[in-house]
Amino acid sequence: MHPALVSSRLYGIVDLGYTEEEELEATTAALIGGGANLIQLRAKGLEKEKILALGRRIQPICRKTGVPFIVNDHADLAIELDADGLHIGQDDGSHDETRKLIGTEMLLGRSTHSPEQARQALAEGFDYIGFGPLFPTPTKQGRPGIGLEHVEVIQQEVGTRIPVFCIGGIKRSNLPEVVAAGARRVVIVSDLLTAADTTEATREARLLLGD
């Protein structure tokens, strides 16, 4: 298991669907201040030059605090931003193709939506996976939630080898249910980004996860 991921429990995403551009630095700092162990920049639908500019604002904050900075989707931007990781979806290329682009040092994560995809990602050599969406979520409109029934088995089969971050519709209100189903690591997006106090909301989520 990659050293940067061993103790990671809460994966924070700075999603431009929920975060105003002028709040970018403050939101990043709030997530980290509350205990997020990883930060991903997700800017669906924006032009690459714009994403690059946004990434240049976030990367130094992550680097200063020692929190890995991960870029969503774009290998070329991850390289240009000297990111610590790249996260790709099911349709964004194979592990081997992507690894050739980014080299051996960068973290490489994969979104998975079924036990079969989770097992496949492990077999291919990804450093970690996202597993979900557990519940329906506005972040992934049109994609049904896969529920909690497979969480424990994937944690046992895959999560003992590489980190499994459960994702999708997870909030502080249902986090105890997710943990009870066997999850050890989670991604929380809208519940933290839309909270009145993102730092405090992140802190609450970390407490619910336990350590």
Foldseek 3Di string as FASTA:
>chain_A
DDPLCPPAFEEEEPECVQDPLVCLQVLLCLLVLLPHQAYEYHYPPDDPVVSLVSLLSNVVVCVVVVRFYEYELDLVSCQVSVGQAYEYEPPRDAPVVSCVSNDDRHAYEYEDEDLVRLVVCVVRPHQEYEYWQQQADPVDPPDHTPHLQCQQVSCVPRVVPHNYAYEHPDALVCLLVNVVSPHLHYYDYPNLSVDPRNNVRSNSSDVSSPD
